[in-house]
Amino acid sequence: KEREFVAAISWSGRTYYTDSVKGR
């Protein structure tokens, strides 16, 4: 499978998640 994005965080602490892992 292709490499996929999971989660990321900025220096200040802002976060983003792919839908499949949100809440977990």
mmCIF file of all heavy atoms, coordinates in Angstrom:
data_MODEL
# 
_entry.id   MODEL 
# 
loop_
_atom_site.group_PDB 
_atom_site.id 
_atom_site.type_symbol 
_atom_site.label_atom_id 
_atom_site.label_alt_id 
_atom_site.label_comp_id 
_atom_site.label_asym_id 
_atom_site.label_entity_id 
_atom_site.label_seq_id 
_atom_site.pdbx_PDB_ins_code 
_atom_site.Cartn_x 
_atom_site.Cartn_y 
_atom_site.Cartn_z 
_atom_site.occupancy 
_atom_site.B_iso_or_equiv 
_atom_site.pdbx_formal_charge 
_atom_site.auth_seq_id 
_atom_site.auth_comp_id 
_atom_site.auth_asym_id 
_atom_site.auth_atom_id 
_atom_site.pdbx_PDB_model_num 
ATOM 1   N N   . LYS A 1 1  ? 0.824   -1.193 0.000  1.00 0.00 ? 1  LYS A N   1 
ATOM 2   C CA  . LYS A 1 1  ? 0.000   0.000  0.000  1.00 0.00 ? 1  LYS A CA  1 
ATOM 3   C C   . LYS A 1 1  ? 0.866   1.253  0.000  1.00 0.00 ? 1  LYS A C   1 
ATOM 4   O O   . LYS A 1 1  ? 2.040   1.215  0.354  1.00 0.00 ? 1  LYS A O   1 
ATOM 5   C CB  . LYS A 1 1  ? -0.937  0.015  1.212  1.00 0.00 ? 1  LYS A CB  1 
ATOM 6   C CG  . LYS A 1 1  ? -1.953  -1.113 1.233  1.00 0.00 ? 1  LYS A CG  1 
ATOM 7   C CD  . LYS A 1 1  ? -2.898  -0.970 2.405  1.00 0.00 ? 1  LYS A CD  1 
ATOM 8   C CE  . LYS A 1 1  ? -3.946  -2.066 2.409  1.00 0.00 ? 1  LYS A CE  1 
ATOM 9   N NZ  . LYS A 1 1  ? -4.888  -1.919 3.556  1.00 0.00 ? 1  LYS A NZ  1 
ATOM 10  N N   . GLU A 1 2  ? 0.258   2.364  -0.404 1.00 0.00 ? 2  GLU A N   1 
ATOM 11  C CA  . GLU A 1 2  ? 0.959   3.642  -0.399 1.00 0.00 ? 2  GLU A CA  1 
ATOM 12  C C   . GLU A 1 2  ? 1.099   4.171  1.018  1.00 0.00 ? 2  GLU A C   1 
ATOM 13  O O   . GLU A 1 2  ? 0.302   3.865  1.900  1.00 0.00 ? 2  GLU A O   1 
ATOM 14  C CB  . GLU A 1 2  ? 0.209   4.659  -1.261 1.00 0.00 ? 2  GLU A CB  1 
ATOM 15  C CG  . GLU A 1 2  ? 0.147   4.315  -2.734 1.00 0.00 ? 2  GLU A CG  1 
ATOM 16  C CD  . GLU A 1 2  ? -0.565  5.377  -3.541 1.00 0.00 ? 2  GLU A CD  1 
ATOM 17  O OE1 . GLU A 1 2  ? -1.114  6.318  -2.939 1.00 0.00 ? 2  GLU A OE1 1 
ATOM 18  O OE2 . GLU A 1 2  ? -0.566  5.273  -4.773 1.00 0.00 ? 2  GLU A OE2 1 
ATOM 19  N N   . ARG A 1 3  ? 2.119   4.970  1.211  1.00 0.00 ? 3  ARG A N   1 
ATOM 20  C CA  . ARG A 1 3  ? 2.293   5.631  2.492  1.00 0.00 ? 3  ARG A CA  1 
ATOM 21  C C   . ARG A 1 3  ? 1.165   6.637  2.703  1.00 0.00 ? 3  ARG A C   1 
ATOM 22  O O   . ARG A 1 3  ? 0.844   7.415  1.808  1.00 0.00 ? 3  ARG A O   1 
ATOM 23  C CB  . ARG A 1 3  ? 3.648   6.330  2.536  1.00 0.00 ? 3  ARG A CB  1 
ATOM 24  C CG  . ARG A 1 3  ? 4.024   6.874  3.896  1.00 0.00 ? 3  ARG A CG  1 
ATOM 25  C CD  . ARG A 1 3  ? 5.450   7.418  3.874  1.00 0.00 ? 3  ARG A CD  1 
ATOM 26  N NE  . ARG A 1 3  ? 6.405   6.400  3.487  1.00 0.00 ? 3  ARG A NE  1 
ATOM 27  C CZ  . ARG A 1 3  ? 7.709   6.612  3.355  1.00 0.00 ? 3  ARG A CZ  1 
ATOM 28  N NH1 . ARG A 1 3  ? 8.212   7.817  3.579  1.00 0.00 ? 3  ARG A NH1 1 
ATOM 29  N NH2 . ARG A 1 3  ? 8.503   5.618  2.990  1.00 0.00 ? 3  ARG A NH2 1 
ATOM 30  N N   . GLU A 1 4  ? 0.562   6.629  3.884  1.00 0.00 ? 4  GLU A N   1 
ATOM 31  C CA  . GLU A 1 4  ? -0.562  7.499  4.147  1.00 0.00 ? 4  GLU A CA  1 
ATOM 32  C C   . GLU A 1 4  ? -0.327  8.362  5.384  1.00 0.00 ? 4  GLU A C   1 
ATOM 33  O O   . GLU A 1 4  ? 0.338   7.956  6.339  1.00 0.00 ? 4  GLU A O   1 
ATOM 34  C CB  . GLU A 1 4  ? -1.862  6.701  4.313  1.00 0.00 ? 4  GLU A CB  1 
ATOM 35  C CG  . GLU A 1 4  ? -1.909  5.823  5.553  1.00 0.00 ? 4  GLU A CG  1 
ATOM 36  C CD  . GLU A 1 4  ? -3.282  5.228  5.812  1.00 0.00 ? 4  GLU A CD  1 
ATOM 37  O OE1 . GLU A 1 4  ? -4.278  5.748  5.260  1.00 0.00 ? 4  GLU A OE1 1 
ATOM 38  O OE2 . GLU A 1 4  ? -3.362  4.234  6.571  1.00 0.00 ? 4  GLU A OE2 1 
ATOM 39  N N   . PHE A 1 5  ? -0.910  9.533  5.349  1.00 0.00 ? 5  PHE A N   1 
ATOM 40  C CA  . PHE A 1 5  ? -0.839  10.465 6.461  1.00 0.00 ? 5  PHE A CA  1 
ATOM 41  C C   . PHE A 1 5  ? -1.677  9.963  7.623  1.00 0.00 ? 5  PHE A C   1 
ATOM 42  O O   . PHE A 1 5  ? -2.776  9.446  7.432  1.00 0.00 ? 5  PHE A O   1 
ATOM 43  C CB  . PHE A 1 5  ? -1.330  11.838 6.011  1.00 0.00 ? 5  PHE A CB  1 
ATOM 44  C CG  . PHE A 1 5  ? -1.483  12.831 7.124  1.00 0.00 ? 5  PHE A CG  1 
ATOM 45  C CD1 . PHE A 1 5  ? -0.384  13.523 7.606  1.00 0.00 ? 5  PHE A CD1 1 
ATOM 46  C CD2 . PHE A 1 5  ? -2.720  13.076 7.689  1.00 0.00 ? 5  PHE A CD2 1 
ATOM 47  C CE1 . PHE A 1 5  ? -0.520  14.441 8.627  1.00 0.00 ? 5  PHE A CE1 1 
ATOM 48  C CE2 . PHE A 1 5  ? -2.870  13.993 8.707  1.00 0.00 ? 5  PHE A CE2 1 
ATOM 49  C CZ  . PHE A 1 5  ? -1.755  14.673 9.180  1.00 0.00 ? 5  PHE A CZ  1 
ATOM 50  N N   . VAL A 1 6  ? -1.161  10.131 8.840  1.00 0.00 ? 6  VAL A N   1 
ATOM 51  C CA  . VAL A 1 6  ? -1.877  9.733  10.041 1.00 0.00 ? 6  VAL A CA  1 
ATOM 52  C C   . VAL A 1 6  ? -2.227  10.944 10.898 1.00 0.00 ? 6  VAL A C   1 
ATOM 53  O O   . VAL A 1 6  ? -3.392  11.184 11.211 1.00 0.00 ? 6  VAL A O   1 
ATOM 54  C CB  . VAL A 1 6  ? -1.064  8.727  10.880 1.00 0.00 ? 6  VAL A CB  1 
ATOM 55  C CG1 . VAL A 1 6  ? -1.802  8.383  12.173 1.00 0.00 ? 6  VAL A CG1 1 
ATOM 56  C CG2 . VAL A 1 6  ? -0.783  7.469  10.077 1.00 0.00 ? 6  VAL A CG2 1 
ATOM 57  N N   . ALA A 1 7  ? -1.219  11.709 11.293 1.00 0.00 ? 7  ALA A N   1 
ATOM 58  C CA  . ALA A 1 7  ? -1.427  12.852 12.169 1.00 0.00 ? 7  ALA A CA  1 
ATOM 59  C C   . ALA A 1 7  ? -0.239  13.787 12.065 1.00 0.00 ? 7  ALA A C   1 
ATOM 60  O O   . ALA A 1 7  ? 0.848   13.390 11.660 1.00 0.00 ? 7  ALA A O   1 
ATOM 61  C CB  . ALA A 1 7  ? -1.620  12.398 13.625 1.00 0.00 ? 7  ALA A CB  1 
ATOM 62  N N   . ALA A 1 8  ? -0.444  15.046 12.451 1.00 0.00 ? 8  ALA A N   1 
ATOM 63  C CA  . ALA A 1 8  ? 0.640   16.020 12.451 1.00 0.00 ? 8  ALA A CA  1 
ATOM 64  C C   . ALA A 1 8  ? 0.387   17.073 13.517 1.00 0.00 ? 8  ALA A C   1 
ATOM 65  O O   . ALA A 1 8  ? -0.753  17.281 13.951 1.00 0.00 ? 8  ALA A O   1 
ATOM 66  C CB  . ALA A 1 8  ? 0.793   16.679 11.083 1.00 0.00 ? 8  ALA A CB  1 
ATOM 67  N N   . ILE A 1 9  ? 1.458   17.743 13.920 1.00 0.00 ? 9  ILE A N   1 
ATOM 68  C CA  . ILE A 1 9  ? 1.368   18.778 14.938 1.00 0.00 ? 9  ILE A CA  1 
ATOM 69  C C   . ILE A 1 9  ? 2.350   19.893 14.609 1.00 0.00 ? 9  ILE A C   1 
ATOM 70  O O   . ILE A 1 9  ? 3.475   19.636 14.171 1.00 0.00 ? 9  ILE A O   1 
ATOM 71  C CB  . ILE A 1 9  ? 1.627   18.184 16.346 1.00 0.00 ? 9  ILE A CB  1 
ATOM 72  C CG1 . ILE A 1 9  ? 1.410   19.238 17.430 1.00 0.00 ? 9  ILE A CG1 1 
ATOM 73  C CG2 . ILE A 1 9  ? 3.024   17.570 16.427 1.00 0.00 ? 9  ILE A CG2 1 
ATOM 74  C CD1 . ILE A 1 9  ? 1.390   18.662 18.834 1.00 0.00 ? 9  ILE A CD1 1 
ATOM 75  N N   . SER A 1 10 ? 1.919   21.128 14.806 1.00 0.00 ? 10 SER A N   1 
ATOM 76  C CA  . SER A 1 10 ? 2.784   22.279 14.597 1.00 0.00 ? 10 SER A CA  1 
ATOM 77  C C   . SER A 1 10 ? 3.588   22.560 15.854 1.00 0.00 ? 10 SER A C   1 
ATOM 78  O O   . SER A 1 10 ? 3.356   21.966 16.915 1.00 0.00 ? 10 SER A O   1 
ATOM 79  C CB  . SER A 1 10 ? 1.957   23.507 14.218 1.00 0.00 ? 10 SER A CB  1 
ATOM 80  O OG  . SER A 1 10 ? 1.192   23.960 15.329 1.00 0.00 ? 10 SER A OG  1 
ATOM 81  N N   . TRP A 1 11 ? 4.530   23.492 15.755 1.00 0.00 ? 11 TRP A N   1 
ATOM 82  C CA  . TRP A 1 11 ? 5.346   23.853 16.909 1.00 0.00 ? 11 TRP A CA  1 
ATOM 83  C C   . TRP A 1 11 ? 4.481   24.382 18.050 1.00 0.00 ? 11 TRP A C   1 
ATOM 84  O O   . TRP A 1 11 ? 4.770   24.115 19.221 1.00 0.00 ? 11 TRP A O   1 
ATOM 85  C CB  . TRP A 1 11 ? 6.384   24.906 16.506 1.00 0.00 ? 11 TRP A CB  1 
ATOM 86  C CG  . TRP A 1 11 ? 7.402   25.181 17.575 1.00 0.00 ? 11 TRP A CG  1 
ATOM 87  C CD1 . TRP A 1 11 ? 8.617   24.576 17.724 1.00 0.00 ? 11 TRP A CD1 1 
ATOM 88  C CD2 . TRP A 1 11 ? 7.291   26.137 18.639 1.00 0.00 ? 11 TRP A CD2 1 
ATOM 89  N NE1 . TRP A 1 11 ? 9.274   25.097 18.822 1.00 0.00 ? 11 TRP A NE1 1 
ATOM 90  C CE2 . TRP A 1 11 ? 8.487   26.059 19.406 1.00 0.00 ? 11 TRP A CE2 1 
ATOM 91  C CE3 . TRP A 1 11 ? 6.311   27.051 19.024 1.00 0.00 ? 11 TRP A CE3 1 
ATOM 92  C CZ2 . TRP A 1 11 ? 8.717   26.853 20.518 1.00 0.00 ? 11 TRP A CZ2 1 
ATOM 93  C CZ3 . TRP A 1 11 ? 6.535   27.839 20.144 1.00 0.00 ? 11 TRP A CZ3 1 
ATOM 94  C CH2 . TRP A 1 11 ? 7.720   27.741 20.875 1.00 0.00 ? 11 TRP A CH2 1 
ATOM 95  N N   . SER A 1 12 ? 3.414   25.102 17.721 1.00 0.00 ? 12 SER A N   1 
ATOM 96  C CA  . SER A 1 12 ? 2.546   25.691 18.720 1.00 0.00 ? 12 SER A CA  1 
ATOM 97  C C   . SER A 1 12 ? 1.512   24.725 19.279 1.00 0.00 ? 12 SER A C   1 
ATOM 98  O O   . SER A 1 12 ? 0.789   25.071 20.211 1.00 0.00 ? 12 SER A O   1 
ATOM 99  C CB  . SER A 1 12 ? 1.828   26.914 18.144 1.00 0.00 ? 12 SER A CB  1 
ATOM 100 O OG  . SER A 1 12 ? 1.001   26.552 17.055 1.00 0.00 ? 12 SER A OG  1 
ATOM 101 N N   . GLY A 1 13 ? 1.416   23.527 18.696 1.00 0.00 ? 13 GLY A N   1 
ATOM 102 C CA  . GLY A 1 13 ? 0.521   22.529 19.229 1.00 0.00 ? 13 GLY A CA  1 
ATOM 103 C C   . GLY A 1 13 ? -0.763  22.297 18.463 1.00 0.00 ? 13 GLY A C   1 
ATOM 104 O O   . GLY A 1 13 ? -1.617  21.529 18.935 1.00 0.00 ? 13 GLY A O   1 
ATOM 105 N N   . ARG A 1 14 ? -0.951  22.933 17.325 1.00 0.00 ? 14 ARG A N   1 
ATOM 106 C CA  . ARG A 1 14 ? -2.130  22.657 16.510 1.00 0.00 ? 14 ARG A CA  1 
ATOM 107 C C   . ARG A 1 14 ? -1.991  21.275 15.887 1.00 0.00 ? 14 ARG A C   1 
ATOM 108 O O   . ARG A 1 14 ? -0.904  20.888 15.459 1.00 0.00 ? 14 ARG A O   1 
ATOM 109 C CB  . ARG A 1 14 ? -2.303  23.706 15.417 1.00 0.00 ? 14 ARG A CB  1 
ATOM 110 C CG  . ARG A 1 14 ? -2.529  25.114 15.962 1.00 0.00 ? 14 ARG A CG  1 
ATOM 111 C CD  . ARG A 1 14 ? -2.774  26.107 14.844 1.00 0.00 ? 14 ARG A CD  1 
ATOM 112 N NE  . ARG A 1 14 ? -4.028  25.842 14.166 1.00 0.00 ? 14 ARG A NE  1 
ATOM 113 C CZ  . ARG A 1 14 ? -5.206  26.327 14.564 1.00 0.00 ? 14 ARG A CZ  1 
ATOM 114 N NH1 . ARG A 1 14 ? -5.275  27.117 15.625 1.00 0.00 ? 14 ARG A NH1 1 
ATOM 115 N NH2 . ARG A 1 14 ? -6.303  26.037 13.879 1.00 0.00 ? 14 ARG A NH2 1 
ATOM 116 N N   . THR A 1 15 ? -3.090  20.535 15.852 1.00 0.00 ? 15 THR A N   1 
ATOM 117 C CA  . THR A 1 15 ? -3.049  19.154 15.387 1.00 0.00 ? 15 THR A CA  1 
ATOM 118 C C   . THR A 1 15 ? -4.046  18.901 14.273 1.00 0.00 ? 15 THR A C   1 
ATOM 119 O O   . THR A 1 15 ? -5.029  19.629 14.108 1.00 0.00 ? 15 THR A O   1 
ATOM 120 C CB  . THR A 1 15 ? -3.337  18.185 16.538 1.00 0.00 ? 15 THR A CB  1 
ATOM 121 O OG1 . THR A 1 15 ? -4.641  18.460 17.077 1.00 0.00 ? 15 THR A OG1 1 
ATOM 122 C CG2 . THR A 1 15 ? -2.296  18.318 17.635 1.00 0.00 ? 15 THR A CG2 1 
ATOM 123 N N   . TYR A 1 16 ? -3.785  17.839 13.517 1.00 0.00 ? 16 TYR A N   1 
ATOM 124 C CA  . TYR A 1 16 ? -4.680  17.403 12.463 1.00 0.00 ? 16 TYR A CA  1 
ATOM 125 C C   . TYR A 1 16 ? -4.548  15.898 12.330 1.00 0.00 ? 16 TYR A C   1 
ATOM 126 O O   . TYR A 1 16 ? -3.445  15.349 12.414 1.00 0.00 ? 16 TYR A O   1 
ATOM 127 C CB  . TYR A 1 16 ? -4.348  18.086 11.138 1.00 0.00 ? 16 TYR A CB  1 
ATOM 128 C CG  . TYR A 1 16 ? -5.303  17.728 10.027 1.00 0.00 ? 16 TYR A CG  1 
ATOM 129 C CD1 . TYR A 1 16 ? -6.562  18.315 9.971  1.00 0.00 ? 16 TYR A CD1 1 
ATOM 130 C CD2 . TYR A 1 16 ? -4.959  16.802 9.048  1.00 0.00 ? 16 TYR A CD2 1 
ATOM 131 C CE1 . TYR A 1 16 ? -7.452  17.985 8.966  1.00 0.00 ? 16 TYR A CE1 1 
ATOM 132 C CE2 . TYR A 1 16 ? -5.844  16.467 8.045  1.00 0.00 ? 16 TYR A CE2 1 
ATOM 133 C CZ  . TYR A 1 16 ? -7.095  17.064 8.009  1.00 0.00 ? 16 TYR A CZ  1 
ATOM 134 O OH  . TYR A 1 16 ? -7.969  16.735 7.011  1.00 0.00 ? 16 TYR A OH  1 
ATOM 135 N N   . TYR A 1 17 ? -5.681  15.223 12.111 1.00 0.00 ? 17 TYR A N   1 
ATOM 136 C CA  . TYR A 1 17 ? -5.710  13.772 12.016 1.00 0.00 ? 17 TYR A CA  1 
ATOM 137 C C   . TYR A 1 17 ? -6.461  13.316 10.786 1.00 0.00 ? 17 TYR A C   1 
ATOM 138 O O   . TYR A 1 17 ? -7.426  13.956 10.353 1.00 0.00 ? 17 TYR A O   1 
ATOM 139 C CB  . TYR A 1 17 ? -6.403  13.162 13.239 1.00 0.00 ? 17 TYR A CB  1 
ATOM 140 C CG  . TYR A 1 17 ? -5.785  13.536 14.562 1.00 0.00 ? 17 TYR A CG  1 
ATOM 141 C CD1 . TYR A 1 17 ? -6.200  14.664 15.254 1.00 0.00 ? 17 TYR A CD1 1 
ATOM 142 C CD2 . TYR A 1 17 ? -4.788  12.738 15.125 1.00 0.00 ? 17 TYR A CD2 1 
ATOM 143 C CE1 . TYR A 1 17 ? -5.636  15.001 16.475 1.00 0.00 ? 17 TYR A CE1 1 
ATOM 144 C CE2 . TYR A 1 17 ? -4.224  13.063 16.342 1.00 0.00 ? 17 TYR A CE2 1 
ATOM 145 C CZ  . TYR A 1 17 ? -4.649  14.195 17.012 1.00 0.00 ? 17 TYR A CZ  1 
ATOM 146 O OH  . TYR A 1 17 ? -4.091  14.523 18.226 1.00 0.00 ? 17 TYR A OH  1 
ATOM 147 N N   . THR A 1 18 ? -6.052  12.188 10.245 1.00 0.00 ? 18 THR A N   1 
ATOM 148 C CA  . THR A 1 18 ? -6.840  11.570 9.200  1.00 0.00 ? 18 THR A CA  1 
ATOM 149 C C   . THR A 1 18 ? -8.102  10.981 9.830  1.00 0.00 ? 18 THR A C   1 
ATOM 150 O O   . THR A 1 18 ? -8.111  10.629 11.011 1.00 0.00 ? 18 THR A O   1 
ATOM 151 C CB  . THR A 1 18 ? -6.025  10.486 8.468  1.00 0.00 ? 18 THR A CB  1 
ATOM 152 O OG1 . THR A 1 18 ? -6.717  10.079 7.287  1.00 0.00 ? 18 THR A OG1 1 
ATOM 153 C CG2 . THR A 1 18 ? -5.787  9.285  9.355  1.00 0.00 ? 18 THR A CG2 1 
ATOM 154 N N   . ASP A 1 19 ? -9.172  10.898 9.061  1.00 0.00 ? 19 ASP A N   1 
ATOM 155 C CA  . ASP A 1 19 ? -10.470 10.521 9.607  1.00 0.00 ? 19 ASP A CA  1 
ATOM 156 C C   . ASP A 1 19 ? -10.460 9.162  10.304 1.00 0.00 ? 19 ASP A C   1 
ATOM 157 O O   . ASP A 1 19 ? -11.147 8.969  11.311 1.00 0.00 ? 19 ASP A O   1 
ATOM 158 C CB  . ASP A 1 19 ? -11.527 10.519 8.503  1.00 0.00 ? 19 ASP A CB  1 
ATOM 159 C CG  . ASP A 1 19 ? -11.920 11.910 8.063  1.00 0.00 ? 19 ASP A CG  1 
ATOM 160 O OD1 . ASP A 1 19 ? -11.651 12.872 8.799  1.00 0.00 ? 19 ASP A OD1 1 
ATOM 161 O OD2 . ASP A 1 19 ? -12.517 12.028 6.972  1.00 0.00 ? 19 ASP A OD2 1 
ATOM 162 N N   . SER A 1 20 ? -9.692  8.226  9.804  1.00 0.00 ? 20 SER A N   1 
ATOM 163 C CA  . SER A 1 20 ? -9.725  6.869  10.332 1.00 0.00 ? 20 SER A CA  1 
ATOM 164 C C   . SER A 1 20 ? -9.161  6.741  11.747 1.00 0.00 ? 20 SER A C   1 
ATOM 165 O O   . SER A 1 20 ? -9.393  5.727  12.408 1.00 0.00 ? 20 SER A O   1 
ATOM 166 C CB  . SER A 1 20 ? -8.982  5.916  9.394  1.00 0.00 ? 20 SER A CB  1 
ATOM 167 O OG  . SER A 1 20 ? -7.613  6.255  9.303  1.00 0.00 ? 20 SER A OG  1 
ATOM 168 N N   . VAL A 1 21 ? -8.429  7.744  12.227 1.00 0.00 ? 21 VAL A N   1 
ATOM 169 C CA  . VAL A 1 21 ? -7.836  7.657  13.562 1.00 0.00 ? 21 VAL A CA  1 
ATOM 170 C C   . VAL A 1 21 ? -8.386  8.697  14.527 1.00 0.00 ? 21 VAL A C   1 
ATOM 171 O O   . VAL A 1 21 ? -8.018  8.682  15.709 1.00 0.00 ? 21 VAL A O   1 
ATOM 172 C CB  . VAL A 1 21 ? -6.299  7.772  13.511 1.00 0.00 ? 21 VAL A CB  1 
ATOM 173 C CG1 . VAL A 1 21 ? -5.723  6.755  12.535 1.00 0.00 ? 21 VAL A CG1 1 
ATOM 174 C CG2 . VAL A 1 21 ? -5.862  9.186  13.148 1.00 0.00 ? 21 VAL A CG2 1 
ATOM 175 N N   . LYS A 1 22 ? -9.263  9.568  14.068 1.00 0.00 ? 22 LYS A N   1 
ATOM 176 C CA  . LYS A 1 22 ? -9.827  10.597 14.937 1.00 0.00 ? 22 LYS A CA  1 
ATOM 177 C C   . LYS A 1 22 ? -10.566 9.957  16.112 1.00 0.00 ? 22 LYS A C   1 
ATOM 178 O O   . LYS A 1 22 ? -11.340 9.030  15.943 1.00 0.00 ? 22 LYS A O   1 
ATOM 179 C CB  . LYS A 1 22 ? -10.777 11.502 14.158 1.00 0.00 ? 22 LYS A CB  1 
ATOM 180 C CG  . LYS A 1 22 ? -10.088 12.458 13.213 1.00 0.00 ? 22 LYS A CG  1 
ATOM 181 C CD  . LYS A 1 22 ? -11.090 13.349 12.493 1.00 0.00 ? 22 LYS A CD  1 
ATOM 182 C CE  . LYS A 1 22 ? -10.393 14.326 11.575 1.00 0.00 ? 22 LYS A CE  1 
ATOM 183 N NZ  . LYS A 1 22 ? -11.362 15.167 10.827 1.00 0.00 ? 22 LYS A NZ  1 
ATOM 184 N N   . GLY A 1 23 ? -10.298 10.472 17.302 1.00 0.00 ? 23 GLY A N   1 
ATOM 185 C CA  . GLY A 1 23 ? -10.906 9.939  18.506 1.00 0.00 ? 23 GLY A CA  1 
ATOM 186 C C   . GLY A 1 23 ? -10.153 8.787  19.119 1.00 0.00 ? 23 GLY A C   1 
ATOM 187 O O   . GLY A 1 23 ? -10.451 8.390  20.250 1.00 0.00 ? 23 GLY A O   1 
ATOM 188 N N   . ARG A 1 24 ? -9.186  8.229  18.399 1.00 0.00 ? 24 ARG A N   1 
ATOM 189 C CA  . ARG A 1 24 ? -8.393  7.106  18.906 1.00 0.00 ? 24 ARG A CA  1 
ATOM 190 C C   . ARG A 1 24 ? -6.928  7.463  19.108 1.00 0.00 ? 24 ARG A C   1 
ATOM 191 O O   . ARG A 1 24 ? -6.297  6.989  20.051 1.00 0.00 ? 24 ARG A O   1 
ATOM 192 C CB  . ARG A 1 24 ? -8.488  5.914  17.955 1.00 0.00 ? 24 ARG A CB  1 
ATOM 193 C CG  . ARG A 1 24 ? -9.903  5.394  17.755 1.00 0.00 ? 24 ARG A CG  1 
ATOM 194 C CD  . ARG A 1 24 ? -9.915  4.084  16.976 1.00 0.00 ? 24 ARG A CD  1 
ATOM 195 N NE  . ARG A 1 24 ? -9.362  4.234  15.631 1.00 0.00 ? 24 ARG A NE  1 
ATOM 196 C CZ  . ARG A 1 24 ? -8.305  3.575  15.181 1.00 0.00 ? 24 ARG A CZ  1 
ATOM 197 N NH1 . ARG A 1 24 ? -7.683  2.699  15.969 1.00 0.00 ? 24 ARG A NH1 1 
ATOM 198 N NH2 . ARG A 1 24 ? -7.876  3.759  13.938 1.00 0.00 ? 24 ARG A NH2 1 
# 
